[in-house]
Structures are given as structure tokens and as C-alpha cells.
Amino acid sequence: ARLLSAAELRRYRGAPGEPGLYLALLGRVFDVERGRKHYGPGGAYSGLAGRDATRAFASGDFTPAGLVDNVSGLSPSELLSIHGWLSFYNDNYEPVGKLVGRFYDENGAPTEALREVEAAIEEALQFQAESEQKKQQFPPCNSEWSSTKGTRFWCSTQSGGVRRAWAGVPRLLYGPGWRRSRCVCVRSSGPPWGQPASSQHGDRGDLDHPHLQQYEGCHPLAQQCVLPT
């Protein structure tokens, strides 16, 4: 792969007389000529051209202080944003080489800094997948509040934005370290989540999950629950 220094990359900002229009993300250099209206001089993202401004892809800070490749201290969601942008450039623009510096050494080999970022992104992706799985198991309830009737929680086959074959019943879900519970919809029949149908599990769905609590004063199998004001 072609290796570019920071000084070489600065020559690729798309100005007249310059050899092209490049940007770098996590040390990977892309030819963004086809997006000149965005990345070329005067474009909304012209500050990204001719440099590695990985941090700006996560923070949205396009000031000189934000147009840097230092990604220390970014949150998991910000790291996922970088991962998404890297996929976007791989899918839409031609990769032309690597930038020698923070993420690749003079031989084009990944640095410890890059390995740390990639490990953090992988961890964020795993957490995201686990969160999505948990949302499929315990979709959020629908809720509404009335000054006369109080708060109503109810479940449907689309509540929480999760389409499914079952509606479920409202329950309070608690998690380790949570300060507050939240209302979720829980399957009330069939085997527990992820378990095969068998006689040893019974037919109560996830009602016996240890982190769930029933709403006081509500029928245990009702699809809605009203808490008076």
C-alpha cells in the first residue's frame, strides 16, 4: 500500500495546482475527488481534506482543535460513529494508502494506538449487539400520562419500536447499577428467551426472570397497567 507522510497528505486538499483530494480516517487514506463539492475548497467538509481528522467524525467539532487524529476519551457511541464512517468511505471511495503517524508506522504496520482503537470499537460493537438483543427480549412499553387517570403502560406487537409476534405484559426491569427501573414488555408464554421448548422450562416465557418486578395493583397477565396519580 502507498505510504504518505502528513506533509504529503497536506498537498491533497483539492486546490488548483494540487495533485488531488484526499482525506484520512484512522490512518487510512481515501481519494474523495468524487465528493469534491463536499470536501473541496469551499465545501462544508473541506476541513477534513489533506489530513487525518478522525476525532471530528465523532465529535462534529470542525475547529482546528477538533480536526485531529487523537481519539482518546471518546465514548463507545462516538467510536461506533467512527466505525460507521470508515465503512462509508470503504464502500463509496477508493482507498489509496496509509498515513504514517499515529495509526501506521513507517513500514505501514498498525501501531499500538490503532490496535487499541480497534479493540475499543470491537467492544462497543459487542455491547451494541448485546443491547439490541436485550431490547428484542424486553422491548420498552408504550406509556402515557393523564392528570385525571395517572400513568398507563401497555404492550403491543410494536411497542418500543420492536415488531414481533407477541405483545407481552408490562413489568419493571432492573439492571445492575441502575438507579431506576424501566417498563418493558415481557413474554408470558413459551420457554424463556434463548431456551428450547422443553418440559423443564414450563410455559411462562420470561416472567420468572430475576430482574423483573410486577406492577402492584395490576393483573399479572394484563397487557396494560394504570397507575393512579
C-alpha atoms as a PDB file:
ATOM      1  CA  ALA A   1       0.000   0.000   0.000  1.00  0.00           C
ATOM      2  CA  ARG A   2       1.125   3.534  -0.664  1.00  0.00           C
ATOM      3  CA  LEU A   3       2.502   5.280   2.417  1.00  0.00           C
ATOM      4  CA  LEU A   4       2.059   9.038   2.814  1.00  0.00           C
ATOM      5  CA  SER A   5       3.562  11.401   5.338  1.00  0.00           C
ATOM      6  CA  ALA A   6       1.467  14.156   6.922  1.00  0.00           C
ATOM      7  CA  ALA A   7       3.309  16.700   4.749  1.00  0.00           C
ATOM      8  CA  GLU A   8       2.471  14.747   1.583  1.00  0.00           C
ATOM      9  CA  LEU A   9      -1.176  14.399   2.564  1.00  0.00           C
ATOM     10  CA  ARG A  10      -1.478  18.168   3.059  1.00  0.00           C
ATOM     11  CA  ARG A  11      -0.802  18.590  -0.674  1.00  0.00           C
ATOM     12  CA  TYR A  12      -4.100  16.805  -1.419  1.00  0.00           C
ATOM     13  CA  ARG A  13      -6.651  19.423  -0.420  1.00  0.00           C
ATOM     14  CA  GLY A  14      -8.085  19.886  -3.898  1.00  0.00           C
ATOM     15  CA  ALA A  15      -6.815  23.405  -4.527  1.00  0.00           C
ATOM     16  CA  PRO A  16      -5.714  24.446  -8.052  1.00  0.00           C
ATOM     17  CA  GLY A  17      -2.294  23.016  -8.816  1.00  0.00           C
ATOM     18  CA  GLU A  18      -2.532  20.318  -6.124  1.00  0.00           C
ATOM     19  CA  PRO A  19      -2.386  16.665  -7.226  1.00  0.00           C
ATOM     20  CA  GLY A  20      -5.736  15.549  -5.825  1.00  0.00           C
ATOM     21  CA  LEU A  21      -8.246  15.476  -2.993  1.00  0.00           C
ATOM     22  CA  TYR A  22      -7.608  13.023  -0.165  1.00  0.00           C
ATOM     23  CA  LEU A  23      -8.601  12.576   3.454  1.00  0.00           C
ATOM     24  CA  ALA A  24      -7.582  10.072   6.108  1.00  0.00           C
ATOM     25  CA  LEU A  25      -9.615   8.270   8.724  1.00  0.00           C
ATOM     26  CA  LEU A  26      -7.884   6.120  11.352  1.00  0.00           C
ATOM     27  CA  GLY A  27      -4.791   6.445   9.179  1.00  0.00           C
ATOM     28  CA  ARG A  28      -6.445   5.052   6.050  1.00  0.00           C
ATOM     29  CA  VAL A  29      -6.277   7.435   3.110  1.00  0.00           C
ATOM     30  CA  PHE A  30      -9.155   7.789   0.638  1.00  0.00           C
ATOM     31  CA  ASP A  31      -9.463   9.616  -2.660  1.00  0.00           C
ATOM     32  CA  VAL A  32     -12.595  11.764  -2.245  1.00  0.00           C
ATOM     33  CA  GLU A  33     -12.438  13.555  -5.584  1.00  0.00           C
ATOM     34  CA  ARG A  34     -15.928  12.340  -6.478  1.00  0.00           C
ATOM     35  CA  GLY A  35     -17.179  14.216  -3.398  1.00  0.00           C
ATOM     36  CA  ARG A  36     -15.402  17.454  -4.325  1.00  0.00           C
ATOM     37  CA  LYS A  37     -18.475  19.599  -3.667  1.00  0.00           C
ATOM     38  CA  HIS A  38     -18.313  18.450  -0.021  1.00  0.00           C
ATOM     39  CA  TYR A  39     -14.567  18.099   0.571  1.00  0.00           C
ATOM     40  CA  GLY A  40     -13.027  20.513  -1.913  1.00  0.00           C
ATOM     41  CA  PRO A  41     -12.194  24.180  -1.198  1.00  0.00           C
ATOM     42  CA  GLY A  42     -15.323  25.974  -0.023  1.00  0.00           C
ATOM     43  CA  GLY A  43     -17.154  22.706   0.719  1.00  0.00           C
ATOM     44  CA  ALA A  44     -18.877  22.061   4.028  1.00  0.00           C
ATOM     45  CA  TYR A  45     -16.301  19.415   4.929  1.00  0.00           C
ATOM     46  CA  SER A  46     -13.236  20.950   3.344  1.00  0.00           C
ATOM     47  CA  GLY A  47     -11.522  20.966   6.748  1.00  0.00           C
ATOM     48  CA  LEU A  48     -11.291  17.180   6.564  1.00  0.00           C
ATOM     49  CA  ALA A  49      -9.255  17.218   3.368  1.00  0.00           C
ATOM     50  CA  GLY A  50      -5.500  16.750   3.387  1.00  0.00           C
ATOM     51  CA  ARG A  51      -5.325  15.413   6.940  1.00  0.00           C
ATOM     52  CA  ASP A  52      -6.442  12.751   9.384  1.00  0.00           C
ATOM     53  CA  ALA A  53      -9.232  14.367  11.372  1.00  0.00           C
ATOM     54  CA  THR A  54     -10.672  11.168  12.822  1.00  0.00           C
ATOM     55  CA  ARG A  55     -11.837  12.859  16.017  1.00  0.00           C
ATOM     56  CA  ALA A  56     -14.053  15.289  14.101  1.00  0.00           C
ATOM     57  CA  PHE A  57     -16.019  12.404  12.578  1.00  0.00           C
ATOM     58  CA  ALA A  58     -17.150  11.504  16.091  1.00  0.00           C
ATOM     59  CA  SER A  59     -17.342  14.907  17.784  1.00  0.00           C
ATOM     60  CA  GLY A  60     -18.572  17.093  14.931  1.00  0.00           C
ATOM     61  CA  ASP A  61     -16.009  19.686  16.002  1.00  0.00           C
ATOM     62  CA  PHE A  62     -14.588  21.189  12.802  1.00  0.00           C
ATOM     63  CA  THR A  63     -12.478  23.812  14.538  1.00  0.00           C
ATOM     64  CA  PRO A  64      -8.680  23.415  14.392  1.00  0.00           C
ATOM     65  CA  ALA A  65      -8.806  21.870  17.863  1.00  0.00           C
ATOM     66  CA  GLY A  66     -11.231  19.210  16.661  1.00  0.00           C
ATOM     67  CA  LEU A  67      -9.635  18.394  13.307  1.00  0.00           C
ATOM     68  CA  VAL A  68      -7.118  15.977  14.818  1.00  0.00           C
ATOM     69  CA  ASP A  69      -6.463  12.244  14.852  1.00  0.00           C
ATOM     70  CA  ASN A  70      -6.396  11.884  18.641  1.00  0.00           C
ATOM     71  CA  VAL A  71      -9.384   9.721  19.647  1.00  0.00           C
ATOM     72  CA  SER A  72      -8.580   9.302  23.334  1.00  0.00           C
ATOM     73  CA  GLY A  73     -11.510   9.723  25.698  1.00  0.00           C
ATOM     74  CA  LEU A  74     -14.218   9.113  23.093  1.00  0.00           C
ATOM     75  CA  SER A  75     -17.366   7.328  24.238  1.00  0.00           C
ATOM     76  CA  PRO A  76     -18.486   3.959  22.829  1.00  0.00           C
ATOM     77  CA  SER A  77     -21.182   5.675  20.745  1.00  0.00           C
ATOM     78  CA  GLU A  78     -18.581   8.063  19.304  1.00  0.00           C
ATOM     79  CA  LEU A  79     -16.308   5.152  18.447  1.00  0.00           C
ATOM     80  CA  LEU A  80     -19.237   3.484  16.688  1.00  0.00           C
ATOM     81  CA  SER A  81     -19.698   6.677  14.695  1.00  0.00           C
ATOM     82  CA  ILE A  82     -16.088   6.430  13.518  1.00  0.00           C
ATOM     83  CA  HIS A  83     -16.647   2.779  12.622  1.00  0.00           C
ATOM     84  CA  GLY A  84     -19.711   3.761  10.596  1.00  0.00           C
ATOM     85  CA  TRP A  85     -17.836   6.471   8.717  1.00  0.00           C
ATOM     86  CA  LEU A  86     -14.987   4.094   7.948  1.00  0.00           C
ATOM     87  CA  SER A  87     -17.477   1.654   6.436  1.00  0.00           C
ATOM     88  CA  PHE A  88     -18.984   4.518   4.439  1.00  0.00           C
ATOM     89  CA  TYR A  89     -15.643   5.513   2.914  1.00  0.00           C
ATOM     90  CA  ASN A  90     -14.707   1.910   2.192  1.00  0.00           C
ATOM     91  CA  ASP A  91     -17.999   1.490   0.338  1.00  0.00           C
ATOM     92  CA  ASN A  92     -18.032   4.804  -1.531  1.00  0.00           C
ATOM     93  CA  TYR A  93     -14.465   5.987  -2.109  1.00  0.00           C
ATOM     94  CA  GLU A  94     -11.218   4.497  -3.334  1.00  0.00           C
ATOM     95  CA  PRO A  95      -8.608   3.676  -0.667  1.00  0.00           C
ATOM     96  CA  VAL A  96      -5.205   4.890  -1.825  1.00  0.00           C
ATOM     97  CA  GLY A  97      -2.850   4.142   1.044  1.00  0.00           C
ATOM     98  CA  LYS A  98      -1.961   4.707   4.668  1.00  0.00           C
ATOM     99  CA  LEU A  99      -0.821   7.729   6.600  1.00  0.00           C
ATOM    100  CA  VAL A 100       2.423   7.299   8.511  1.00  0.00           C
ATOM    101  CA  GLY A 101       1.928   8.632  12.009  1.00  0.00           C
ATOM    102  CA  ARG A 102      -0.399   7.797  14.883  1.00  0.00           C
ATOM    103  CA  PHE A 103      -2.008   4.707  13.372  1.00  0.00           C
ATOM    104  CA  TYR A 104       0.612   3.278  10.981  1.00  0.00           C
ATOM    105  CA  ASP A 105       4.376   3.182  11.269  1.00  0.00           C
ATOM    106  CA  GLU A 106       6.922   3.904   8.524  1.00  0.00           C
ATOM    107  CA  ASN A 107       6.527   0.332   7.263  1.00  0.00           C
ATOM    108  CA  GLY A 108       2.750   0.550   7.041  1.00  0.00           C
ATOM    109  CA  ALA A 109       2.230  -1.716  10.052  1.00  0.00           C
ATOM    110  CA  PRO A 110      -0.545  -0.931  12.567  1.00  0.00           C
ATOM    111  CA  THR A 111       0.648   0.874  15.674  1.00  0.00           C
ATOM    112  CA  GLU A 112      -0.348   0.113  19.244  1.00  0.00           C
ATOM    113  CA  ALA A 113      -2.630   3.170  19.109  1.00  0.00           C
ATOM    114  CA  LEU A 114      -4.565   1.676  16.190  1.00  0.00           C
ATOM    115  CA  ARG A 115      -4.832  -1.711  17.868  1.00  0.00           C
ATOM    116  CA  GLU A 116      -6.227  -0.048  20.985  1.00  0.00           C
ATOM    117  CA  VAL A 117      -8.833   1.888  18.987  1.00  0.00           C
ATOM    118  CA  GLU A 118      -9.877  -1.184  17.026  1.00  0.00           C
ATOM    119  CA  ALA A 119     -10.224  -3.180  20.254  1.00  0.00           C
ATOM    120  CA  ALA A 120     -12.372  -0.413  21.764  1.00  0.00           C
ATOM    121  CA  ILE A 121     -14.552  -0.315  18.640  1.00  0.00           C
ATOM    122  CA  GLU A 122     -14.965  -4.100  18.762  1.00  0.00           C
ATOM    123  CA  GLU A 123     -16.006  -3.845  22.409  1.00  0.00           C
ATOM    124  CA  ALA A 124     -18.516  -1.109  21.532  1.00  0.00           C
ATOM    125  CA  LEU A 125     -19.925  -3.250  18.711  1.00  0.00           C
ATOM    126  CA  GLN A 126     -20.329  -6.193  21.074  1.00  0.00           C
ATOM    127  CA  PHE A 127     -22.084  -4.006  23.647  1.00  0.00           C
ATOM    128  CA  GLN A 128     -24.370  -2.645  20.923  1.00  0.00           C
ATOM    129  CA  ALA A 129     -25.267  -6.179  19.806  1.00  0.00           C
ATOM    130  CA  GLU A 130     -25.986  -7.233  23.395  1.00  0.00           C
ATOM    131  CA  SER A 131     -28.140  -4.133  23.938  1.00  0.00           C
ATOM    132  CA  GLU A 132     -30.097  -4.857  20.770  1.00  0.00           C
ATOM    133  CA  GLN A 133     -30.618  -8.448  21.858  1.00  0.00           C
ATOM    134  CA  LYS A 134     -31.823  -7.265  25.258  1.00  0.00           C
ATOM    135  CA  LYS A 135     -34.244  -4.870  23.538  1.00  0.00           C
ATOM    136  CA  GLN A 136     -35.613  -7.770  21.495  1.00  0.00           C
ATOM    137  CA  GLN A 137     -36.105  -9.782  24.677  1.00  0.00           C
ATOM    138  CA  PHE A 138     -37.545  -6.899  26.717  1.00  0.00           C
ATOM    139  CA  PRO A 139     -38.997  -4.241  24.360  1.00  0.00           C
ATOM    140  CA  PRO A 140     -39.932  -0.925  26.021  1.00  0.00           C
ATOM    141  CA  CYS A 141     -43.592  -0.391  26.943  1.00  0.00           C
ATOM    142  CA  ASN A 142     -45.858   2.249  25.494  1.00  0.00           C
ATOM    143  CA  SER A 143     -46.820   4.853  28.081  1.00  0.00           C
ATOM    144  CA  GLU A 144     -48.999   7.922  28.502  1.00  0.00           C
ATOM    145  CA  TRP A 145     -49.828  10.230  31.394  1.00  0.00           C
ATOM    146  CA  SER A 146     -53.104  11.929  32.288  1.00  0.00           C
ATOM    147  CA  SER A 147     -53.694  14.307  35.197  1.00  0.00           C
ATOM    148  CA  THR A 148     -57.030  12.600  35.821  1.00  0.00           C
ATOM    149  CA  LYS A 149     -56.185   8.948  35.206  1.00  0.00           C
ATOM    150  CA  GLY A 150     -52.492   8.730  36.045  1.00  0.00           C
ATOM    151  CA  THR A 151     -49.919   6.815  34.025  1.00  0.00           C
ATOM    152  CA  ARG A 152     -50.857   3.995  31.683  1.00  0.00           C
ATOM    153  CA  PHE A 153     -48.349   1.410  30.496  1.00  0.00           C
ATOM    154  CA  TRP A 154     -49.276  -1.068  27.797  1.00  0.00           C
ATOM    155  CA  CYS A 155     -47.774  -3.579  25.406  1.00  0.00           C
ATOM    156  CA  SER A 156     -48.468  -4.294  21.752  1.00  0.00           C
ATOM    157  CA  THR A 157     -46.772  -6.198  18.959  1.00  0.00           C
ATOM    158  CA  GLN A 158     -44.961  -2.978  18.020  1.00  0.00           C
ATOM    159  CA  SER A 159     -44.333  -1.273  21.356  1.00  0.00           C
ATOM    160  CA  GLY A 160     -40.844   0.121  21.824  1.00  0.00           C
ATOM    161  CA  GLY A 161     -40.377   0.106  18.064  1.00  0.00           C
ATOM    162  CA  VAL A 162     -39.771  -3.660  18.142  1.00  0.00           C
ATOM    163  CA  ARG A 163     -42.023  -5.597  15.749  1.00  0.00           C
ATOM    164  CA  ARG A 164     -42.737  -9.087  16.999  1.00  0.00           C
ATOM    165  CA  ALA A 165     -45.361 -11.850  17.077  1.00  0.00           C
ATOM    166  CA  TRP A 166     -46.157 -11.391  20.770  1.00  0.00           C
ATOM    167  CA  ALA A 167     -47.392  -8.376  22.754  1.00  0.00           C
ATOM    168  CA  GLY A 168     -46.276  -9.257  26.261  1.00  0.00           C
ATOM    169  CA  VAL A 169     -47.229  -7.851  29.651  1.00  0.00           C
ATOM    170  CA  PRO A 170     -45.769  -4.793  31.439  1.00  0.00           C
ATOM    171  CA  ARG A 171     -43.104  -5.344  34.047  1.00  0.00           C
ATOM    172  CA  LEU A 172     -40.451  -3.266  35.809  1.00  0.00           C
ATOM    173  CA  LEU A 173     -36.937  -4.192  34.706  1.00  0.00           C
ATOM    174  CA  TYR A 174     -33.973  -3.577  36.995  1.00  0.00           C
ATOM    175  CA  GLY A 175     -30.344  -3.866  35.958  1.00  0.00           C
ATOM    176  CA  PRO A 176     -27.060  -3.993  37.899  1.00  0.00           C
ATOM    177  CA  GLY A 177     -26.035  -0.482  38.852  1.00  0.00           C
ATOM    178  CA  TRP A 178     -29.301   1.076  37.625  1.00  0.00           C
ATOM    179  CA  ARG A 179     -30.705   3.875  39.736  1.00  0.00           C
ATOM    180  CA  ARG A 180     -34.183   3.497  38.284  1.00  0.00           C
ATOM    181  CA  SER A 181     -36.225   0.738  36.732  1.00  0.00           C
ATOM    182  CA  ARG A 182     -37.930   0.954  33.347  1.00  0.00           C
ATOM    183  CA  CYS A 183     -41.103  -0.520  31.928  1.00  0.00           C
ATOM    184  CA  VAL A 184     -40.638  -3.397  29.496  1.00  0.00           C
ATOM    185  CA  CYS A 185     -42.894  -5.876  27.762  1.00  0.00           C
ATOM    186  CA  VAL A 186     -42.348  -9.495  28.765  1.00  0.00           C
ATOM    187  CA  ARG A 187     -43.378 -12.698  27.014  1.00  0.00           C
ATOM    188  CA  SER A 188     -45.809 -14.583  29.230  1.00  0.00           C
ATOM    189  CA  SER A 189     -45.855 -17.932  27.449  1.00  0.00           C
ATOM    190  CA  GLY A 190     -43.435 -20.379  25.882  1.00  0.00           C
ATOM    191  CA  PRO A 191     -39.882 -21.137  27.073  1.00  0.00           C
ATOM    192  CA  PRO A 192     -37.561 -18.459  28.477  1.00  0.00           C
ATOM    193  CA  TRP A 193     -35.607 -16.337  25.972  1.00  0.00           C
ATOM    194  CA  GLY A 194     -33.000 -18.349  24.121  1.00  0.00           C
ATOM    195  CA  GLN A 195     -34.119 -21.674  25.578  1.00  0.00           C
ATOM    196  CA  PRO A 196     -35.567 -24.550  23.533  1.00  0.00           C
ATOM    197  CA  ALA A 197     -39.103 -25.672  24.210  1.00  0.00           C
ATOM    198  CA  SER A 198     -38.998 -28.495  26.742  1.00  0.00           C
ATOM    199  CA  SER A 199     -40.918 -29.741  29.703  1.00  0.00           C
ATOM    200  CA  GLN A 200     -38.326 -28.486  32.189  1.00  0.00           C
ATOM    201  CA  HIS A 201     -38.944 -24.810  31.392  1.00  0.00           C
ATOM    202  CA  GLY A 202     -42.712 -24.681  31.712  1.00  0.00           C
ATOM    203  CA  ASP A 203     -44.786 -22.183  29.752  1.00  0.00           C
ATOM    204  CA  ARG A 204     -44.205 -18.784  31.402  1.00  0.00           C
ATOM    205  CA  GLY A 205     -41.938 -17.079  28.925  1.00  0.00           C
ATOM    206  CA  ASP A 206     -39.628 -14.656  30.764  1.00  0.00           C
ATOM    207  CA  LEU A 207     -41.984 -13.890  33.665  1.00  0.00           C
ATOM    208  CA  ASP A 208     -39.609 -15.547  36.117  1.00  0.00           C
ATOM    209  CA  HIS A 209     -36.567 -13.518  35.096  1.00  0.00           C
ATOM    210  CA  PRO A 210     -34.838 -12.377  38.328  1.00  0.00           C
ATOM    211  CA  HIS A 211     -34.531  -8.716  37.264  1.00  0.00           C
ATOM    212  CA  LEU A 212     -38.274  -8.249  36.739  1.00  0.00           C
ATOM    213  CA  GLN A 213     -40.879  -6.946  39.152  1.00  0.00           C
ATOM    214  CA  GLN A 214     -44.642  -6.906  38.771  1.00  0.00           C
ATOM    215  CA  TYR A 215     -46.577  -3.636  38.997  1.00  0.00           C
ATOM    216  CA  GLU A 216     -48.553  -3.513  42.228  1.00  0.00           C
ATOM    217  CA  GLY A 217     -52.294  -3.454  41.766  1.00  0.00           C
ATOM    218  CA  CYS A 218     -52.183  -4.721  38.184  1.00  0.00           C
ATOM    219  CA  HIS A 219     -53.316  -8.116  36.979  1.00  0.00           C
ATOM    220  CA  PRO A 220     -50.191 -10.222  36.389  1.00  0.00           C
ATOM    221  CA  LEU A 221     -51.196 -11.142  32.826  1.00  0.00           C
ATOM    222  CA  ALA A 222     -52.868  -7.906  31.729  1.00  0.00           C
ATOM    223  CA  GLN A 223     -51.382  -6.218  28.627  1.00  0.00           C
ATOM    224  CA  GLN A 224     -51.877  -2.795  30.223  1.00  0.00           C
ATOM    225  CA  CYS A 225     -51.490  -1.301  33.667  1.00  0.00           C
ATOM    226  CA  VAL A 226     -52.754   2.023  35.004  1.00  0.00           C
ATOM    227  CA  LEU A 227     -51.046   3.657  37.983  1.00  0.00           C
ATOM    228  CA  PRO A 228     -53.238   6.355  39.592  1.00  0.00           C
ATOM    229  CA  THR A 229     -51.795   9.837  40.044  1.00  0.00           C
END
